Structure formats: structure tokens, C-alpha cells
Amino acid sequence: MYQTTIKNIGNDAKAFEAEKMMILFGDNAPSELADFCYIIDVLSVDEDITEEHILKLDNVPYRITSVGDAVRKNLNDLGHITLKFDGSTTAEQPGTLYLEDKEIADINPGSTITIEK
């Protein structure tokens, strides 16, 4: 359904892991934000993302617990969403994909992000 590759990791991107967050952005990330982002290939999402899907960082699965209203559009347009690993079942931010509360996998440039059933 959706797969992208992490092309680059901003110098300060991993700092957000302490807050259980990863910020994704395409190549067009503004320079003031790029250091805080995981830079990905912008690829289209061919169907709505729902709680029935699983997100994988490389091969580590995470159950999707809630989906912000703008997640699909933002991924399609900018590659820009936030992954929040807090298990929240209410999407408080429209551009955030909420995932189960679980340790964030160690990922590097070349790692993949996949969303599938």
C-alpha cells in the first residue's frame, strides 16, 4: 500500500524520540526544519490509512491507533507527517499518525517505512 525510504536523518531528528515522536518530511523540508526531520522519498498513498493497517520501520511492526485527518494528504503532497508512538486513540493533530506505545526501532538512511494491512 505505501512504502518509502529514509534518505537522510537531520542532526537533531533523534532528539524527538525521547518524546516518542519522529517527524517525516520530503526533500522540500524547509532548511530550518530539516535538522529535526527524517527526510523521505515523497510517494503517493493509494488508499486511506486506517487503524486496520500496520506501520513498519524496517521490519519492526507498529499497530496504528489513530490517524489524523490530514495524514494521507500531507504524505502525498510533502511527505510531511509526525509519527507519535504514544498509543493515543484520539487524533489530536491532523498531520499525525498515532502508533502503539513501543520503543522506536533504530533506523538509518536506507531504512524503509511501510504501511500495510
N, C-alpha and C. Protein backbone atom coordinates (compact mmCIF):
# COMPACT_ATOMS: atom_id res chain seq x y z
N MET A 1 0.81 -1.20 0.00
CA MET A 1 0.00 0.00 0.00
C MET A 1 0.85 1.26 0.00
N TYR A 2 1.86 1.34 0.88
CA TYR A 2 2.74 2.50 0.91
C TYR A 2 4.11 2.06 1.41
N GLN A 3 5.14 2.50 0.73
CA GLN A 3 6.49 2.26 1.22
C GLN A 3 7.38 3.39 0.75
N THR A 4 8.22 3.85 1.66
CA THR A 4 9.18 4.90 1.33
C THR A 4 10.49 4.57 2.02
N THR A 5 11.52 5.27 1.60
CA THR A 5 12.85 5.05 2.14
C THR A 5 13.33 6.32 2.84
N ILE A 6 13.99 6.14 3.97
CA ILE A 6 14.60 7.26 4.66
C ILE A 6 15.91 7.58 3.95
N LYS A 7 15.97 8.79 3.42
CA LYS A 7 17.14 9.20 2.63
C LYS A 7 18.20 9.86 3.49
N ASN A 8 17.75 10.56 4.51
CA ASN A 8 18.66 11.32 5.35
C ASN A 8 18.01 11.53 6.71
N ILE A 9 18.84 11.71 7.72
CA ILE A 9 18.32 11.96 9.07
C ILE A 9 18.96 13.26 9.56
N GLY A 10 18.11 14.24 9.88
CA GLY A 10 18.61 15.52 10.37
C GLY A 10 19.41 15.34 11.66
N ASN A 11 20.33 16.26 11.89
CA ASN A 11 21.23 16.16 13.04
C ASN A 11 20.49 16.07 14.37
N ASP A 12 19.33 16.70 14.47
CA ASP A 12 18.60 16.73 15.73
C ASP A 12 17.33 15.88 15.70
N ALA A 13 17.14 15.10 14.64
CA ALA A 13 15.89 14.35 14.48
C ALA A 13 15.68 13.34 15.60
N LYS A 14 16.73 12.65 16.01
CA LYS A 14 16.57 11.61 17.02
C LYS A 14 16.24 12.17 18.40
N ALA A 15 16.45 13.48 18.60
CA ALA A 15 16.13 14.10 19.89
C ALA A 15 14.64 13.96 20.22
N PHE A 16 13.79 13.93 19.19
CA PHE A 16 12.35 13.80 19.42
C PHE A 16 11.94 12.40 19.89
N GLU A 17 12.84 11.42 19.72
CA GLU A 17 12.50 10.07 20.16
C GLU A 17 12.23 10.03 21.66
N ALA A 18 12.86 10.91 22.42
CA ALA A 18 12.60 10.98 23.87
C ALA A 18 11.15 11.36 24.13
N GLU A 19 10.54 12.07 23.17
CA GLU A 19 9.12 12.45 23.28
C GLU A 19 8.23 11.51 22.48
N LYS A 20 8.81 10.36 22.06
CA LYS A 20 8.08 9.32 21.32
C LYS A 20 7.57 9.85 19.98
N MET A 21 8.40 10.64 19.29
CA MET A 21 7.99 11.23 18.02
C MET A 21 9.08 11.09 16.97
N MET A 22 8.63 10.96 15.73
CA MET A 22 9.50 11.06 14.57
C MET A 22 8.81 12.00 13.59
N ILE A 23 9.55 12.96 13.04
CA ILE A 23 8.98 13.88 12.08
C ILE A 23 9.51 13.51 10.70
N LEU A 24 8.60 13.20 9.79
CA LEU A 24 8.97 12.85 8.42
C LEU A 24 8.76 14.06 7.51
N PHE A 25 9.63 14.20 6.52
CA PHE A 25 9.47 15.29 5.56
C PHE A 25 10.15 14.86 4.26
N GLY A 26 9.61 15.32 3.14
CA GLY A 26 10.23 15.07 1.85
C GLY A 26 11.45 15.96 1.65
N ASP A 27 12.03 15.87 0.47
CA ASP A 27 13.23 16.67 0.13
C ASP A 27 13.01 18.17 0.27
N ASN A 28 11.75 18.58 0.20
CA ASN A 28 11.44 20.02 0.22
C ASN A 28 11.29 20.56 1.64
N ALA A 29 11.82 19.86 2.64
CA ALA A 29 11.74 20.35 4.02
C ALA A 29 12.42 21.71 4.11
N PRO A 30 11.75 22.69 4.74
CA PRO A 30 12.39 23.99 4.92
C PRO A 30 13.70 23.82 5.70
N SER A 31 14.72 24.61 5.36
CA SER A 31 16.04 24.42 5.96
C SER A 31 16.00 24.52 7.48
N GLU A 32 15.12 25.36 8.03
CA GLU A 32 15.07 25.50 9.49
C GLU A 32 14.45 24.27 10.17
N LEU A 33 13.76 23.42 9.39
CA LEU A 33 13.17 22.21 9.95
C LEU A 33 13.95 20.94 9.62
N ALA A 34 14.74 20.97 8.57
CA ALA A 34 15.38 19.75 8.06
C ALA A 34 16.21 19.03 9.12
N ASP A 35 16.86 19.78 10.02
CA ASP A 35 17.68 19.14 11.05
C ASP A 35 16.86 18.30 12.02
N PHE A 36 15.56 18.55 12.07
CA PHE A 36 14.70 17.85 13.02
C PHE A 36 13.92 16.71 12.36
N CYS A 37 14.16 16.49 11.08
CA CYS A 37 13.32 15.56 10.31
C CYS A 37 14.08 14.34 9.79
N TYR A 38 13.30 13.30 9.56
CA TYR A 38 13.74 12.15 8.78
C TYR A 38 13.29 12.45 7.36
N ILE A 39 14.24 12.61 6.45
CA ILE A 39 13.92 13.00 5.07
C ILE A 39 13.60 11.72 4.28
N ILE A 40 12.42 11.73 3.64
CA ILE A 40 11.93 10.54 2.92
C ILE A 40 11.63 10.88 1.47
N ASP A 41 11.52 9.83 0.64
CA ASP A 41 11.01 9.99 -0.71
C ASP A 41 9.52 10.29 -0.61
N VAL A 42 9.04 11.30 -1.34
CA VAL A 42 7.60 11.61 -1.36
C VAL A 42 6.95 10.68 -2.39
N LEU A 43 6.13 9.78 -1.91
CA LEU A 43 5.43 8.83 -2.76
C LEU A 43 3.95 8.86 -2.42
N SER A 44 3.09 8.58 -3.40
CA SER A 44 1.66 8.67 -3.12
C SER A 44 1.16 7.47 -2.33
N VAL A 45 0.16 7.77 -1.51
CA VAL A 45 -0.53 6.76 -0.71
C VAL A 45 -1.78 6.40 -1.50
N ASP A 46 -1.94 5.13 -1.85
CA ASP A 46 -3.03 4.79 -2.78
C ASP A 46 -4.36 4.46 -2.11
N GLU A 47 -4.44 4.50 -0.80
CA GLU A 47 -5.72 4.34 -0.12
C GLU A 47 -5.64 4.99 1.25
N ASP A 48 -6.82 5.18 1.86
CA ASP A 48 -6.83 5.79 3.19
C ASP A 48 -6.11 4.90 4.19
N ILE A 49 -5.37 5.54 5.08
CA ILE A 49 -4.69 4.84 6.16
C ILE A 49 -5.68 4.75 7.32
N THR A 50 -5.83 3.56 7.87
CA THR A 50 -6.78 3.36 8.96
C THR A 50 -6.11 2.57 10.10
N GLU A 51 -6.86 2.41 11.17
CA GLU A 51 -6.38 1.66 12.33
C GLU A 51 -6.23 0.17 12.01
N GLU A 52 -6.70 -0.25 10.85
CA GLU A 52 -6.55 -1.66 10.45
C GLU A 52 -5.18 -1.93 9.84
N HIS A 53 -4.43 -0.87 9.57
CA HIS A 53 -3.11 -1.01 8.97
C HIS A 53 -2.02 -1.13 10.03
N ILE A 54 -0.86 -1.57 9.58
CA ILE A 54 0.33 -1.68 10.42
C ILE A 54 1.40 -0.82 9.77
N LEU A 55 2.14 -0.07 10.58
CA LEU A 55 3.29 0.65 10.07
C LEU A 55 4.53 -0.14 10.49
N LYS A 56 5.47 -0.28 9.56
CA LYS A 56 6.72 -0.97 9.87
C LYS A 56 7.90 -0.03 9.65
N LEU A 57 8.79 0.01 10.63
CA LEU A 57 10.09 0.66 10.47
C LEU A 57 11.06 -0.47 10.21
N ASP A 58 11.59 -0.54 9.01
CA ASP A 58 12.29 -1.72 8.54
C ASP A 58 11.34 -2.90 8.76
N ASN A 59 11.67 -3.86 9.60
CA ASN A 59 10.75 -4.99 9.80
C ASN A 59 10.08 -4.99 11.16
N VAL A 60 10.14 -3.86 11.88
CA VAL A 60 9.52 -3.78 13.20
C VAL A 60 8.10 -3.23 13.06
N PRO A 61 7.07 -4.03 13.40
CA PRO A 61 5.69 -3.58 13.21
C PRO A 61 5.18 -2.72 14.37
N TYR A 62 4.34 -1.75 14.02
CA TYR A 62 3.66 -0.90 15.00
C TYR A 62 2.19 -0.83 14.62
N ARG A 63 1.33 -1.11 15.57
CA ARG A 63 -0.11 -1.01 15.34
C ARG A 63 -0.49 0.47 15.28
N ILE A 64 -1.29 0.84 14.28
CA ILE A 64 -1.79 2.22 14.16
C ILE A 64 -2.99 2.36 15.08
N THR A 65 -2.93 3.36 15.98
CA THR A 65 -4.01 3.53 16.97
C THR A 65 -4.95 4.67 16.62
N SER A 66 -4.50 5.63 15.79
CA SER A 66 -5.35 6.73 15.37
C SER A 66 -4.68 7.44 14.19
N VAL A 67 -5.50 8.05 13.32
CA VAL A 67 -4.98 8.68 12.11
C VAL A 67 -5.53 10.10 12.00
N GLY A 68 -4.64 11.07 11.97
CA GLY A 68 -5.07 12.47 11.78
C GLY A 68 -5.70 12.67 10.41
N ASP A 69 -6.63 13.61 10.31
CA ASP A 69 -7.38 13.86 9.07
C ASP A 69 -6.50 14.22 7.87
N ALA A 70 -5.33 14.81 8.12
CA ALA A 70 -4.50 15.30 7.02
C ALA A 70 -3.33 14.37 6.69
N VAL A 71 -3.24 13.21 7.34
CA VAL A 71 -2.07 12.34 7.16
C VAL A 71 -1.88 11.94 5.70
N ARG A 72 -2.91 11.43 5.06
CA ARG A 72 -2.75 10.97 3.67
C ARG A 72 -2.37 12.13 2.74
N LYS A 73 -3.09 13.24 2.85
CA LYS A 73 -2.83 14.40 2.00
C LYS A 73 -1.40 14.91 2.22
N ASN A 74 -0.99 15.02 3.47
CA ASN A 74 0.35 15.54 3.77
C ASN A 74 1.45 14.61 3.27
N LEU A 75 1.24 13.30 3.40
CA LEU A 75 2.22 12.35 2.86
C LEU A 75 2.31 12.49 1.35
N ASN A 76 1.16 12.58 0.69
CA ASN A 76 1.13 12.71 -0.77
C ASN A 76 1.78 14.01 -1.24
N ASP A 77 1.49 15.12 -0.56
CA ASP A 77 1.93 16.44 -1.03
C ASP A 77 3.37 16.77 -0.63
N LEU A 78 3.73 16.48 0.62
CA LEU A 78 5.00 16.95 1.16
C LEU A 78 5.86 15.84 1.76
N GLY A 79 5.27 14.67 1.98
CA GLY A 79 5.97 13.63 2.73
C GLY A 79 6.09 14.02 4.19
N HIS A 80 5.25 14.95 4.63
CA HIS A 80 5.40 15.52 5.98
C HIS A 80 4.29 15.09 6.93
N ILE A 81 4.62 14.18 7.82
CA ILE A 81 3.73 13.83 8.92
C ILE A 81 4.59 13.58 10.16
N THR A 82 3.92 13.54 11.30
CA THR A 82 4.58 13.16 12.55
C THR A 82 4.11 11.76 12.90
N LEU A 83 5.05 10.91 13.29
CA LEU A 83 4.71 9.61 13.86
C LEU A 83 4.82 9.78 15.36
N LYS A 84 3.74 9.44 16.06
CA LYS A 84 3.75 9.57 17.52
C LYS A 84 3.49 8.20 18.12
N PHE A 85 4.45 7.72 18.89
CA PHE A 85 4.42 6.37 19.44
C PHE A 85 3.89 6.40 20.88
N ASP A 86 2.65 6.87 21.05
CA ASP A 86 2.11 7.01 22.41
C ASP A 86 0.83 6.21 22.64
N GLY A 87 0.37 5.48 21.62
CA GLY A 87 -0.83 4.65 21.78
C GLY A 87 -2.13 5.43 21.83
N SER A 88 -2.10 6.71 21.50
CA SER A 88 -3.30 7.54 21.56
C SER A 88 -4.37 7.04 20.60
N THR A 89 -5.61 7.00 21.06
CA THR A 89 -6.72 6.56 20.21
C THR A 89 -7.53 7.75 19.69
N THR A 90 -7.11 8.96 20.03
CA THR A 90 -7.74 10.18 19.53
C THR A 90 -6.70 10.98 18.77
N ALA A 91 -7.02 11.30 17.52
CA ALA A 91 -6.07 12.07 16.69
C ALA A 91 -6.20 13.54 17.03
N GLU A 92 -5.33 14.03 17.90
CA GLU A 92 -5.39 15.43 18.32
C GLU A 92 -4.80 16.36 17.28
N GLN A 93 -3.82 15.88 16.49
CA GLN A 93 -3.19 16.71 15.46
C GLN A 93 -3.52 16.12 14.09
N PRO A 94 -3.99 16.94 13.13
CA PRO A 94 -4.41 16.39 11.83
C PRO A 94 -3.29 15.74 11.03
N GLY A 95 -2.04 16.18 11.22
CA GLY A 95 -0.93 15.64 10.45
C GLY A 95 -0.14 14.58 11.19
N THR A 96 -0.76 13.95 12.19
CA THR A 96 -0.04 12.96 13.00
C THR A 96 -0.66 11.58 12.85
N LEU A 97 0.22 10.60 12.72
CA LEU A 97 -0.16 9.19 12.70
C LEU A 97 0.24 8.62 14.06
N TYR A 98 -0.76 8.15 14.81
CA TYR A 98 -0.52 7.66 16.16
C TYR A 98 -0.32 6.15 16.14
N LEU A 99 0.70 5.71 16.86
CA LEU A 99 1.09 4.30 16.86
C LEU A 99 1.16 3.78 18.29
N GLU A 100 1.18 2.45 18.40
CA GLU A 100 1.25 1.87 19.73
C GLU A 100 2.49 2.38 20.49
N ASP A 101 2.36 2.40 21.79
CA ASP A 101 3.42 2.87 22.68
C ASP A 101 4.46 1.76 22.79
N LYS A 102 5.50 1.89 21.99
CA LYS A 102 6.52 0.86 21.89
C LYS A 102 7.83 1.54 21.51
N GLU A 103 8.93 0.97 21.91
CA GLU A 103 10.23 1.56 21.61
C GLU A 103 10.40 1.76 20.11
N ILE A 104 10.96 2.90 19.74
CA ILE A 104 11.18 3.22 18.33
C ILE A 104 12.41 2.46 17.83
N ALA A 105 12.23 1.77 16.72
CA ALA A 105 13.33 0.98 16.14
C ALA A 105 14.50 1.90 15.76
N ASP A 106 15.69 1.35 15.80
CA ASP A 106 16.87 2.09 15.39
C ASP A 106 16.93 2.08 13.86
N ILE A 107 16.71 3.23 13.26
CA ILE A 107 16.70 3.29 11.80
C ILE A 107 17.77 4.24 11.31
N ASN A 108 18.15 4.05 10.08
CA ASN A 108 19.26 4.77 9.48
C ASN A 108 18.90 5.14 8.04
N PRO A 109 19.70 5.99 7.39
CA PRO A 109 19.47 6.23 5.97
C PRO A 109 19.44 4.89 5.23
N GLY A 110 18.44 4.71 4.38
CA GLY A 110 18.26 3.43 3.69
C GLY A 110 17.19 2.57 4.34
N SER A 111 16.81 2.89 5.58
CA SER A 111 15.72 2.14 6.24
C SER A 111 14.41 2.42 5.52
N THR A 112 13.47 1.50 5.63
CA THR A 112 12.18 1.67 4.97
C THR A 112 11.06 1.89 5.99
N ILE A 113 10.06 2.64 5.54
CA ILE A 113 8.81 2.80 6.28
C ILE A 113 7.72 2.24 5.38
N THR A 114 6.98 1.28 5.92
CA THR A 114 5.93 0.61 5.15
C THR A 114 4.62 0.72 5.92
N ILE A 115 3.53 0.92 5.18
CA ILE A 115 2.19 0.85 5.78
C ILE A 115 1.44 -0.21 4.99
N GLU A 116 0.91 -1.20 5.71
CA GLU A 116 0.23 -2.32 5.05
C GLU A 116 -0.83 -2.89 5.97
N LYS A 117 -1.66 -3.78 5.40
CA LYS A 117 -2.69 -4.44 6.21
C LYS A 117 -2.09 -5.57 7.00
